[in-house]
Amino acid sequence: MKFVCILMLLITVLVLAPVAQSRASDPEQRFEAAVVKRYDHRNDRNIPPLGVVSLFGCYLGPGRLQYNCSDSVPRLVAEALNLSRFQFEEAGPPEYVITAKLPDPAPRQQMNDMLACFLQEHMGVRYHLEKKPIIKAEFLTVASQELLEKLPVSHDPVPLALVSSGSSLGWAMIPDGQFCEQRLGSREGESQVSCKNINFHLLAQILRRFFGVPVIDETGLTIRFDLAFTSKIDPEEPWNRDYGRPAWNLSEIRQLLGSYGISLQRRDGVTDFLVIDHVADEATFLN
């Protein structure tokens, strides 16, 4: 009996090991090639003045196979995990530039997975997510399953990531340009926002800009859907570096969401925060 148990255990290990190894070496989750260099702040002089010292981010282009990322390690990991800005602490130098070649055109999430794999395997990045308190955030929940069924569900495939025009950089944590179209309304400060093929995590990131506070998805749902709403801002309102100009018609947006059984609750709570545990000596990964 003991021999049979040992034999069964050995067979299990031999069967599962190749599966785990194949997943770990999945070529779809890896860049075809990539180089890492230190970010050179002397390039900042070539950036048009935008009220910031330098322009960081991840963007696609030229073409659909070149993926470019530049920033500190915490922000690069945040991009890979599709975290919101409030979920990690801003970090200064060193900052890096990653220029990678994709094996094939890919959706944003697949590129994020490749970036996560590269950060771990080539830059020795180790991290974990830690639950920490957050004050006065908006928590996205489902209040009525019956009303939720009225939400226009999208069955379209997830689109390929958009190629950035010119030198504009776009983070996945600000997904408006990829999934939402915003058109000016008939009145000053009014715009029509039309989002397609989004999920609740994306909706939380989108609403964050209009509500001016962290918005956290607690639905646990992965369905994709279409949603359109009207945003009204005061052009005289000061510009916020993190949120832009929040909308003042929040009650209307809440009412629209409520018609689909979606609730936003402003309260204190807890959410995941990124903690960087280790980064390899840069001499081992700089090109």
C-alpha atoms as a PDB file:
ATOM      1  CA  MET A   1       0.000   0.000   0.000  1.00  0.00           C
ATOM      2  CA  LYS A   2       2.844   2.373   0.885  1.00  0.00           C
ATOM      3  CA  PHE A   3       4.546   1.578  -2.432  1.00  0.00           C
ATOM      4  CA  VAL A   4       1.310   2.336  -4.344  1.00  0.00           C
ATOM      5  CA  CYS A   5       0.945   5.735  -2.625  1.00  0.00           C
ATOM      6  CA  ILE A   6       4.543   6.661  -3.439  1.00  0.00           C
ATOM      7  CA  LEU A   7       4.054   5.542  -7.042  1.00  0.00           C
ATOM      8  CA  MET A   8       0.864   7.612  -7.394  1.00  0.00           C
ATOM      9  CA  LEU A   9       2.610  10.666  -5.935  1.00  0.00           C
ATOM     10  CA  LEU A  10       5.518  10.253  -8.356  1.00  0.00           C
ATOM     11  CA  ILE A  11       3.148   9.967 -11.323  1.00  0.00           C
ATOM     12  CA  THR A  12       1.296  13.121 -10.203  1.00  0.00           C
ATOM     13  CA  VAL A  13       4.549  15.101  -9.978  1.00  0.00           C
ATOM     14  CA  LEU A  14       5.704  13.893 -13.389  1.00  0.00           C
ATOM     15  CA  VAL A  15       2.366  14.798 -14.981  1.00  0.00           C
ATOM     16  CA  LEU A  16       1.940  18.214 -13.379  1.00  0.00           C
ATOM     17  CA  ALA A  17       5.539  19.410 -13.647  1.00  0.00           C
ATOM     18  CA  PRO A  18       5.529  19.781 -17.458  1.00  0.00           C
ATOM     19  CA  VAL A  19       2.180  21.608 -17.251  1.00  0.00           C
ATOM     20  CA  ALA A  20       3.523  24.097 -14.726  1.00  0.00           C
ATOM     21  CA  GLN A  21       6.713  24.511 -16.740  1.00  0.00           C
ATOM     22  CA  SER A  22       4.778  25.069 -19.989  1.00  0.00           C
ATOM     23  CA  ARG A  23       2.659  27.750 -18.338  1.00  0.00           C
ATOM     24  CA  ALA A  24       5.735  29.437 -16.890  1.00  0.00           C
ATOM     25  CA  SER A  25       7.385  29.465 -20.318  1.00  0.00           C
ATOM     26  CA  ASP A  26       4.250  30.379 -22.270  1.00  0.00           C
ATOM     27  CA  PRO A  27       5.588  32.449 -25.235  1.00  0.00           C
ATOM     28  CA  GLU A  28       2.314  34.419 -25.333  1.00  0.00           C
ATOM     29  CA  GLN A  29       3.248  35.923 -21.968  1.00  0.00           C
ATOM     30  CA  ARG A  30       6.725  37.050 -23.022  1.00  0.00           C
ATOM     31  CA  PHE A  31       8.198  39.803 -25.136  1.00  0.00           C
ATOM     32  CA  GLU A  32       9.999  38.565 -28.217  1.00  0.00           C
ATOM     33  CA  ALA A  33      12.870  40.904 -27.312  1.00  0.00           C
ATOM     34  CA  ALA A  34      13.384  43.813 -24.907  1.00  0.00           C
ATOM     35  CA  VAL A  35      16.061  46.228 -23.711  1.00  0.00           C
ATOM     36  CA  VAL A  36      16.228  48.274 -20.496  1.00  0.00           C
ATOM     37  CA  LYS A  37      18.021  51.600 -20.116  1.00  0.00           C
ATOM     38  CA  ARG A  38      18.126  54.323 -17.502  1.00  0.00           C
ATOM     39  CA  TYR A  39      15.687  57.151 -18.194  1.00  0.00           C
ATOM     40  CA  ASP A  40      17.652  60.193 -19.361  1.00  0.00           C
ATOM     41  CA  HIS A  41      16.095  63.383 -18.013  1.00  0.00           C
ATOM     42  CA  ARG A  42      17.981  65.348 -20.639  1.00  0.00           C
ATOM     43  CA  ASN A  43      15.201  64.191 -22.977  1.00  0.00           C
ATOM     44  CA  ASP A  44      12.721  66.237 -20.954  1.00  0.00           C
ATOM     45  CA  ARG A  45      13.782  69.357 -22.833  1.00  0.00           C
ATOM     46  CA  ASN A  46      12.231  67.869 -25.988  1.00  0.00           C
ATOM     47  CA  ILE A  47       8.822  67.444 -24.337  1.00  0.00           C
ATOM     48  CA  PRO A  48       6.306  70.267 -24.793  1.00  0.00           C
ATOM     49  CA  PRO A  49       5.545  72.024 -21.469  1.00  0.00           C
ATOM     50  CA  LEU A  50       2.569  70.298 -19.847  1.00  0.00           C
ATOM     51  CA  GLY A  51       2.982  71.452 -16.278  1.00  0.00           C
ATOM     52  CA  VAL A  52       4.988  68.357 -15.319  1.00  0.00           C
ATOM     53  CA  VAL A  53       8.698  67.721 -15.088  1.00  0.00           C
ATOM     54  CA  SER A  54       8.760  64.675 -17.332  1.00  0.00           C
ATOM     55  CA  LEU A  55       6.360  62.447 -19.214  1.00  0.00           C
ATOM     56  CA  PHE A  56       6.212  58.802 -18.188  1.00  0.00           C
ATOM     57  CA  GLY A  57       3.962  55.925 -19.165  1.00  0.00           C
ATOM     58  CA  CYS A  58       3.469  52.913 -21.399  1.00  0.00           C
ATOM     59  CA  TYR A  59       2.372  53.181 -24.991  1.00  0.00           C
ATOM     60  CA  LEU A  60       2.262  51.199 -28.203  1.00  0.00           C
ATOM     61  CA  GLY A  61       4.066  52.392 -31.310  1.00  0.00           C
ATOM     62  CA  PRO A  62       5.326  52.956 -33.829  1.00  0.00           C
ATOM     63  CA  GLY A  63       3.305  50.051 -35.209  1.00  0.00           C
ATOM     64  CA  ARG A  64       1.503  47.362 -33.214  1.00  0.00           C
ATOM     65  CA  LEU A  65       4.618  45.401 -32.226  1.00  0.00           C
ATOM     66  CA  GLN A  66       6.710  47.997 -30.374  1.00  0.00           C
ATOM     67  CA  TYR A  67       5.783  48.464 -26.712  1.00  0.00           C
ATOM     68  CA  ASN A  68       7.449  51.241 -24.729  1.00  0.00           C
ATOM     69  CA  CYS A  69       7.399  51.838 -20.974  1.00  0.00           C
ATOM     70  CA  SER A  70       9.249  54.394 -18.895  1.00  0.00           C
ATOM     71  CA  ASP A  71       9.021  55.110 -15.161  1.00  0.00           C
ATOM     72  CA  SER A  72      10.085  53.922 -11.716  1.00  0.00           C
ATOM     73  CA  VAL A  73       9.698  50.275 -10.753  1.00  0.00           C
ATOM     74  CA  PRO A  74       6.526  50.806  -8.638  1.00  0.00           C
ATOM     75  CA  ARG A  75       4.740  52.490 -11.528  1.00  0.00           C
ATOM     76  CA  LEU A  76       5.896  49.846 -13.990  1.00  0.00           C
ATOM     77  CA  VAL A  77       4.521  47.129 -11.709  1.00  0.00           C
ATOM     78  CA  ALA A  78       1.306  49.145 -11.295  1.00  0.00           C
ATOM     79  CA  GLU A  79       0.956  49.222 -15.077  1.00  0.00           C
ATOM     80  CA  ALA A  80       1.532  45.474 -15.301  1.00  0.00           C
ATOM     81  CA  LEU A  81      -1.102  44.785 -12.625  1.00  0.00           C
ATOM     82  CA  ASN A  82      -3.504  47.435 -13.952  1.00  0.00           C
ATOM     83  CA  LEU A  83      -3.598  49.222 -10.594  1.00  0.00           C
ATOM     84  CA  SER A  84      -4.948  52.695  -9.983  1.00  0.00           C
ATOM     85  CA  ARG A  85      -2.638  55.519  -8.940  1.00  0.00           C
ATOM     86  CA  PHE A  86      -3.853  55.534  -5.330  1.00  0.00           C
ATOM     87  CA  GLN A  87      -2.764  51.897  -4.897  1.00  0.00           C
ATOM     88  CA  PHE A  88       0.976  52.584  -4.766  1.00  0.00           C
ATOM     89  CA  GLU A  89       3.374  55.203  -3.459  1.00  0.00           C
ATOM     90  CA  GLU A  90       5.040  57.522  -5.923  1.00  0.00           C
ATOM     91  CA  ALA A  91       8.756  56.859  -6.258  1.00  0.00           C
ATOM     92  CA  GLY A  92      11.588  58.937  -7.620  1.00  0.00           C
ATOM     93  CA  PRO A  93      14.779  57.820  -9.402  1.00  0.00           C
ATOM     94  CA  PRO A  94      15.956  55.459 -10.625  1.00  0.00           C
ATOM     95  CA  GLU A  95      13.595  55.400 -13.575  1.00  0.00           C
ATOM     96  CA  TYR A  96      13.919  53.063 -16.522  1.00  0.00           C
ATOM     97  CA  VAL A  97      12.931  52.850 -20.179  1.00  0.00           C
ATOM     98  CA  ILE A  98      11.827  49.462 -21.496  1.00  0.00           C
ATOM     99  CA  THR A  99      11.588  49.043 -25.260  1.00  0.00           C
ATOM    100  CA  ALA A 100      10.061  45.708 -26.199  1.00  0.00           C
ATOM    101  CA  LYS A 101       8.970  43.832 -29.296  1.00  0.00           C
ATOM    102  CA  LEU A 102       5.685  41.937 -29.097  1.00  0.00           C
ATOM    103  CA  PRO A 103       5.421  38.541 -30.813  1.00  0.00           C
ATOM    104  CA  ASP A 104       2.008  39.563 -32.226  1.00  0.00           C
ATOM    105  CA  PRO A 105      -0.455  42.451 -31.883  1.00  0.00           C
ATOM    106  CA  ALA A 106      -2.116  42.074 -28.477  1.00  0.00           C
ATOM    107  CA  PRO A 107      -4.818  43.504 -26.215  1.00  0.00           C
ATOM    108  CA  ARG A 108      -3.709  45.754 -23.385  1.00  0.00           C
ATOM    109  CA  GLN A 109      -4.130  43.030 -20.735  1.00  0.00           C
ATOM    110  CA  GLN A 110      -1.845  40.628 -22.603  1.00  0.00           C
ATOM    111  CA  MET A 111       0.820  43.325 -22.903  1.00  0.00           C
ATOM    112  CA  ASN A 112       0.493  43.950 -19.158  1.00  0.00           C
ATOM    113  CA  ASP A 113       1.025  40.228 -18.522  1.00  0.00           C
ATOM    114  CA  MET A 114       4.162  40.293 -20.675  1.00  0.00           C
ATOM    115  CA  LEU A 115       5.439  43.324 -18.762  1.00  0.00           C
ATOM    116  CA  ALA A 116       4.800  41.586 -15.428  1.00  0.00           C
ATOM    117  CA  CYS A 117       6.719  38.524 -16.615  1.00  0.00           C
ATOM    118  CA  PHE A 118       9.618  40.673 -17.842  1.00  0.00           C
ATOM    119  CA  LEU A 119       9.849  42.632 -14.584  1.00  0.00           C
ATOM    120  CA  GLN A 120      10.015  39.430 -12.568  1.00  0.00           C
ATOM    121  CA  GLU A 121      12.328  37.386 -14.788  1.00  0.00           C
ATOM    122  CA  HIS A 122      14.737  40.039 -16.092  1.00  0.00           C
ATOM    123  CA  MET A 123      14.697  42.777 -13.443  1.00  0.00           C
ATOM    124  CA  GLY A 124      14.257  40.525 -10.438  1.00  0.00           C
ATOM    125  CA  VAL A 125      11.218  42.440  -9.196  1.00  0.00           C
ATOM    126  CA  ARG A 126       9.375  40.870  -6.277  1.00  0.00           C
ATOM    127  CA  TYR A 127       6.233  42.416  -4.827  1.00  0.00           C
ATOM    128  CA  HIS A 128       3.062  41.700  -2.932  1.00  0.00           C
ATOM    129  CA  LEU A 129      -0.331  43.322  -2.446  1.00  0.00           C
ATOM    130  CA  GLU A 130      -1.178  44.384   1.079  1.00  0.00           C
ATOM    131  CA  LYS A 131      -4.604  45.265   2.460  1.00  0.00           C
ATOM    132  CA  LYS A 132      -4.572  48.791   3.881  1.00  0.00           C
ATOM    133  CA  PRO A 133      -7.280  51.214   5.005  1.00  0.00           C
ATOM    134  CA  ILE A 134      -8.514  53.874   2.613  1.00  0.00           C
ATOM    135  CA  ILE A 135     -10.579  56.894   3.647  1.00  0.00           C
ATOM    136  CA  LYS A 136     -13.641  58.326   1.884  1.00  0.00           C
ATOM    137  CA  ALA A 137     -13.486  56.242  -1.263  1.00  0.00           C
ATOM    138  CA  GLU A 138     -16.343  55.235  -3.550  1.00  0.00           C
ATOM    139  CA  PHE A 139     -17.046  51.492  -3.424  1.00  0.00           C
ATOM    140  CA  LEU A 140     -18.696  49.989  -6.493  1.00  0.00           C
ATOM    141  CA  THR A 141     -21.184  47.247  -5.586  1.00  0.00           C
ATOM    142  CA  VAL A 142     -24.229  45.482  -7.032  1.00  0.00           C
ATOM    143  CA  ALA A 143     -27.421  46.509  -5.226  1.00  0.00           C
ATOM    144  CA  SER A 144     -29.934  44.661  -7.414  1.00  0.00           C
ATOM    145  CA  GLN A 145     -29.229  41.548  -9.450  1.00  0.00           C
ATOM    146  CA  GLU A 146     -32.564  42.002 -11.210  1.00  0.00           C
ATOM    147  CA  LEU A 147     -31.705  45.511 -12.426  1.00  0.00           C
ATOM    148  CA  LEU A 148     -28.185  44.391 -13.323  1.00  0.00           C
ATOM    149  CA  GLU A 149     -29.665  42.148 -16.001  1.00  0.00           C
ATOM    150  CA  LYS A 150     -30.741  45.307 -17.860  1.00  0.00           C
ATOM    151  CA  LEU A 151     -27.089  46.321 -18.336  1.00  0.00           C
ATOM    152  CA  PRO A 152     -26.201  46.148 -22.077  1.00  0.00           C
ATOM    153  CA  VAL A 153     -23.842  43.170 -22.058  1.00  0.00           C
ATOM    154  CA  SER A 154     -21.080  43.233 -24.688  1.00  0.00           C
ATOM    155  CA  HIS A 155     -20.135  40.035 -26.502  1.00  0.00           C
ATOM    156  CA  ASP A 156     -17.478  41.703 -28.655  1.00  0.00           C
ATOM    157  CA  PRO A 157     -13.915  40.398 -28.343  1.00  0.00           C
ATOM    158  CA  VAL A 158     -11.504  42.473 -26.277  1.00  0.00           C
ATOM    159  CA  PRO A 159      -9.898  44.882 -28.792  1.00  0.00           C
ATOM    160  CA  LEU A 160      -6.217  45.108 -29.574  1.00  0.00           C
ATOM    161  CA  ALA A 161      -4.397  47.922 -27.805  1.00  0.00           C
ATOM    162  CA  LEU A 162      -4.465  51.218 -29.650  1.00  0.00           C
ATOM    163  CA  VAL A 163      -1.325  52.578 -31.270  1.00  0.00           C
ATOM    164  CA  SER A 164      -0.447  55.918 -29.677  1.00  0.00           C
ATOM    165  CA  SER A 165      -0.345  58.910 -31.973  1.00  0.00           C
ATOM    166  CA  GLY A 166       2.831  60.970 -31.983  1.00  0.00           C
ATOM    167  CA  SER A 167       4.621  60.932 -28.655  1.00  0.00           C
ATOM    168  CA  SER A 168       1.534  60.718 -26.438  1.00  0.00           C
ATOM    169  CA  LEU A 169       1.835  58.208 -23.624  1.00  0.00           C
ATOM    170  CA  GLY A 170      -1.190  56.389 -22.236  1.00  0.00           C
ATOM    171  CA  TRP A 171      -1.437  54.337 -19.050  1.00  0.00           C
ATOM    172  CA  ALA A 172      -3.892  51.467 -18.771  1.00  0.00           C
ATOM    173  CA  MET A 173      -4.929  52.951 -15.421  1.00  0.00           C
ATOM    174  CA  ILE A 174      -6.537  55.799 -17.432  1.00  0.00           C
ATOM    175  CA  PRO A 175      -8.438  53.668 -19.960  1.00  0.00           C
ATOM    176  CA  ASP A 176     -10.750  56.325 -21.426  1.00  0.00           C
ATOM    177  CA  GLY A 177      -8.939  56.509 -24.759  1.00  0.00           C
ATOM    178  CA  GLN A 178      -9.039  52.739 -25.282  1.00  0.00           C
ATOM    179  CA  PHE A 179     -12.634  52.018 -24.306  1.00  0.00           C
ATOM    180  CA  CYS A 180     -14.456  55.358 -24.093  1.00  0.00           C
ATOM    181  CA  GLU A 181     -15.268  58.100 -26.550  1.00  0.00           C
ATOM    182  CA  GLN A 182     -15.945  61.557 -25.165  1.00  0.00           C
ATOM    183  CA  ARG A 183     -17.772  64.172 -27.247  1.00  0.00           C
ATOM    184  CA  LEU A 184     -18.533  67.762 -26.359  1.00  0.00           C
ATOM    185  CA  GLY A 185     -22.141  68.437 -25.433  1.00  0.00           C
ATOM    186  CA  SER A 186     -24.351  71.362 -26.337  1.00  0.00           C
ATOM    187  CA  ARG A 187     -23.413  73.340 -23.207  1.00  0.00           C
ATOM    188  CA  GLU A 188     -20.055  74.524 -21.903  1.00  0.00           C
ATOM    189  CA  GLY A 189     -18.395  71.934 -19.696  1.00  0.00           C
ATOM    190  CA  GLU A 190     -20.791  69.192 -20.819  1.00  0.00           C
ATOM    191  CA  SER A 191     -19.661  66.039 -22.599  1.00  0.00           C
ATOM    192  CA  GLN A 192     -21.186  62.729 -23.645  1.00  0.00           C
ATOM    193  CA  VAL A 193     -19.104  59.760 -22.530  1.00  0.00           C
ATOM    194  CA  SER A 194     -19.727  56.486 -24.370  1.00  0.00           C
ATOM    195  CA  CYS A 195     -17.842  53.405 -23.112  1.00  0.00           C
ATOM    196  CA  LYS A 196     -17.893  50.043 -24.881  1.00  0.00           C
ATOM    197  CA  ASN A 197     -16.769  46.581 -23.868  1.00  0.00           C
ATOM    198  CA  ILE A 198     -15.706  47.586 -20.346  1.00  0.00           C
ATOM    199  CA  ASN A 199     -15.827  45.574 -17.116  1.00  0.00           C
ATOM    200  CA  PHE A 200     -16.426  46.771 -13.567  1.00  0.00           C
ATOM    201  CA  HIS A 201     -12.713  47.189 -12.845  1.00  0.00           C
ATOM    202  CA  LEU A 202     -12.424  49.517 -15.832  1.00  0.00           C
ATOM    203  CA  LEU A 203     -15.623  51.305 -14.840  1.00  0.00           C
ATOM    204  CA  ALA A 204     -14.134  52.044 -11.417  1.00  0.00           C
ATOM    205  CA  GLN A 205     -11.015  53.515 -13.033  1.00  0.00           C
ATOM    206  CA  ILE A 206     -13.121  55.605 -15.411  1.00  0.00           C
ATOM    207  CA  LEU A 207     -15.437  56.924 -12.692  1.00  0.00           C
ATOM    208  CA  ARG A 208     -12.468  57.885 -10.520  1.00  0.00           C
ATOM    209  CA  ARG A 209     -11.721  60.795 -12.830  1.00  0.00           C
ATOM    210  CA  PHE A 210     -15.277  62.111 -12.712  1.00  0.00           C
ATOM    211  CA  PHE A 211     -15.783  61.646  -8.966  1.00  0.00           C
ATOM    212  CA  GLY A 212     -12.380  63.019  -7.943  1.00  0.00           C
ATOM    213  CA  VAL A 213     -11.783  60.282  -5.339  1.00  0.00           C
ATOM    214  CA  PRO A 214     -10.614  56.653  -5.444  1.00  0.00           C
ATOM    215  CA  VAL A 215     -13.284  54.309  -6.833  1.00  0.00           C
ATOM    216  CA  ILE A 216     -12.907  50.643  -5.891  1.00  0.00           C
ATOM    217  CA  ASP A 217     -14.640  47.707  -7.580  1.00  0.00           C
ATOM    218  CA  GLU A 218     -16.148  45.311  -5.036  1.00  0.00           C
ATOM    219  CA  THR A 219     -18.558  43.536  -7.412  1.00  0.00           C
ATOM    220  CA  GLY A 220     -16.279  40.576  -8.125  1.00  0.00           C
ATOM    221  CA  LEU A 221     -17.863  40.393 -11.604  1.00  0.00           C
ATOM    222  CA  THR A 222     -16.011  40.009 -14.906  1.00  0.00           C
ATOM    223  CA  ILE A 223     -18.842  40.628 -17.388  1.00  0.00           C
ATOM    224  CA  ARG A 224     -18.193  43.196 -20.104  1.00  0.00           C
ATOM    225  CA  PHE A 225     -20.806  45.776 -21.024  1.00  0.00           C
ATOM    226  CA  ASP A 226     -21.517  49.122 -22.720  1.00  0.00           C
ATOM    227  CA  LEU A 227     -22.369  52.275 -20.784  1.00  0.00           C
ATOM    228  CA  ALA A 228     -22.987  55.912 -21.754  1.00  0.00           C
ATOM    229  CA  PHE A 229     -23.438  58.904 -19.457  1.00  0.00           C
ATOM    230  CA  THR A 230     -23.228  62.686 -19.411  1.00  0.00           C
ATOM    231  CA  SER A 231     -20.424  64.500 -17.599  1.00  0.00           C
ATOM    232  CA  LYS A 232     -20.724  68.145 -16.544  1.00  0.00           C
ATOM    233  CA  ILE A 233     -17.700  70.031 -15.252  1.00  0.00           C
ATOM    234  CA  ASP A 234     -17.082  73.602 -14.242  1.00  0.00           C
ATOM    235  CA  PRO A 235     -14.371  75.022 -16.552  1.00  0.00           C
ATOM    236  CA  GLU A 236     -13.426  77.454 -13.773  1.00  0.00           C
ATOM    237  CA  GLU A 237     -12.701  74.614 -11.353  1.00  0.00           C
ATOM    238  CA  PRO A 238      -8.946  74.258 -10.614  1.00  0.00           C
ATOM    239  CA  TRP A 239      -7.201  71.420 -12.433  1.00  0.00           C
ATOM    240  CA  ASN A 240      -6.208  68.515 -10.198  1.00  0.00           C
ATOM    241  CA  ARG A 241      -3.059  66.618 -11.222  1.00  0.00           C
ATOM    242  CA  ASP A 242      -4.549  63.264 -10.206  1.00  0.00           C
ATOM    243  CA  TYR A 243      -8.176  63.693 -11.300  1.00  0.00           C
ATOM    244  CA  GLY A 244      -8.380  66.589 -13.722  1.00  0.00           C
ATOM    245  CA  ARG A 245     -11.660  68.434 -13.136  1.00  0.00           C
ATOM    246  CA  PRO A 246     -14.255  66.253 -11.366  1.00  0.00           C
ATOM    247  CA  ALA A 247     -17.849  66.386 -12.604  1.00  0.00           C
ATOM    248  CA  TRP A 248     -20.475  68.262 -10.593  1.00  0.00           C
ATOM    249  CA  ASN A 249     -23.464  66.176 -11.780  1.00  0.00           C
ATOM    250  CA  LEU A 250     -22.512  63.143  -9.687  1.00  0.00           C
ATOM    251  CA  SER A 251     -26.124  62.601  -8.539  1.00  0.00           C
ATOM    252  CA  GLU A 252     -27.160  62.111 -12.181  1.00  0.00           C
ATOM    253  CA  ILE A 253     -24.367  59.584 -12.753  1.00  0.00           C
ATOM    254  CA  ARG A 254     -25.346  57.745  -9.552  1.00  0.00           C
ATOM    255  CA  GLN A 255     -28.967  57.657 -10.691  1.00  0.00           C
ATOM    256  CA  LEU A 256     -27.996  56.194 -14.063  1.00  0.00           C
ATOM    257  CA  LEU A 257     -25.868  53.503 -12.428  1.00  0.00           C
ATOM    258  CA  GLY A 258     -28.677  52.784  -9.979  1.00  0.00           C
ATOM    259  CA  SER A 259     -31.043  52.069 -12.872  1.00  0.00           C
ATOM    260  CA  TYR A 260     -28.775  49.100 -13.669  1.00  0.00           C
ATOM    261  CA  GLY A 261     -28.542  47.950 -10.055  1.00  0.00           C
ATOM    262  CA  ILE A 262     -25.058  49.423  -9.579  1.00  0.00           C
ATOM    263  CA  SER A 263     -24.405  51.250  -6.323  1.00  0.00           C
ATOM    264  CA  LEU A 264     -21.642  53.659  -5.338  1.00  0.00           C
ATOM    265  CA  GLN A 265     -21.086  53.987  -1.589  1.00  0.00           C
ATOM    266  CA  ARG A 266     -18.752  56.656  -0.225  1.00  0.00           C
ATOM    267  CA  ARG A 267     -17.172  55.303   2.946  1.00  0.00           C
ATOM    268  CA  ASP A 268     -13.966  54.195   4.591  1.00  0.00           C
ATOM    269  CA  GLY A 269     -12.728  50.709   3.797  1.00  0.00           C
ATOM    270  CA  VAL A 270      -9.724  48.624   2.803  1.00  0.00           C
ATOM    271  CA  THR A 271      -8.147  47.862  -0.550  1.00  0.00           C
ATOM    272  CA  ASP A 272      -4.972  46.393  -2.058  1.00  0.00           C
ATOM    273  CA  PHE A 273      -1.793  48.465  -2.037  1.00  0.00           C
ATOM    274  CA  LEU A 274       1.388  47.569  -3.893  1.00  0.00           C
ATOM    275  CA  VAL A 275       4.526  46.838  -1.882  1.00  0.00           C
ATOM    276  CA  ILE A 276       7.855  46.332  -3.693  1.00  0.00           C
ATOM    277  CA  ASP A 277       9.977  43.744  -1.876  1.00  0.00           C
ATOM    278  CA  HIS A 278      13.033  43.475  -4.111  1.00  0.00           C
ATOM    279  CA  VAL A 279      14.624  44.718  -7.338  1.00  0.00           C
ATOM    280  CA  ALA A 280      17.779  43.160  -8.762  1.00  0.00           C
ATOM    281  CA  ASP A 281      21.005  45.123  -9.042  1.00  0.00           C
ATOM    282  CA  GLU A 282      20.542  47.161 -12.213  1.00  0.00           C
ATOM    283  CA  ALA A 283      23.939  46.066 -13.458  1.00  0.00           C
ATOM    284  CA  THR A 284      22.337  42.683 -14.139  1.00  0.00           C
ATOM    285  CA  PHE A 285      19.589  43.965 -16.442  1.00  0.00           C
ATOM    286  CA  LEU A 286      20.651  47.277 -18.008  1.00  0.00           C
ATOM    287  CA  ASN A 287      21.608  47.049 -21.694  1.00  0.00           C
END
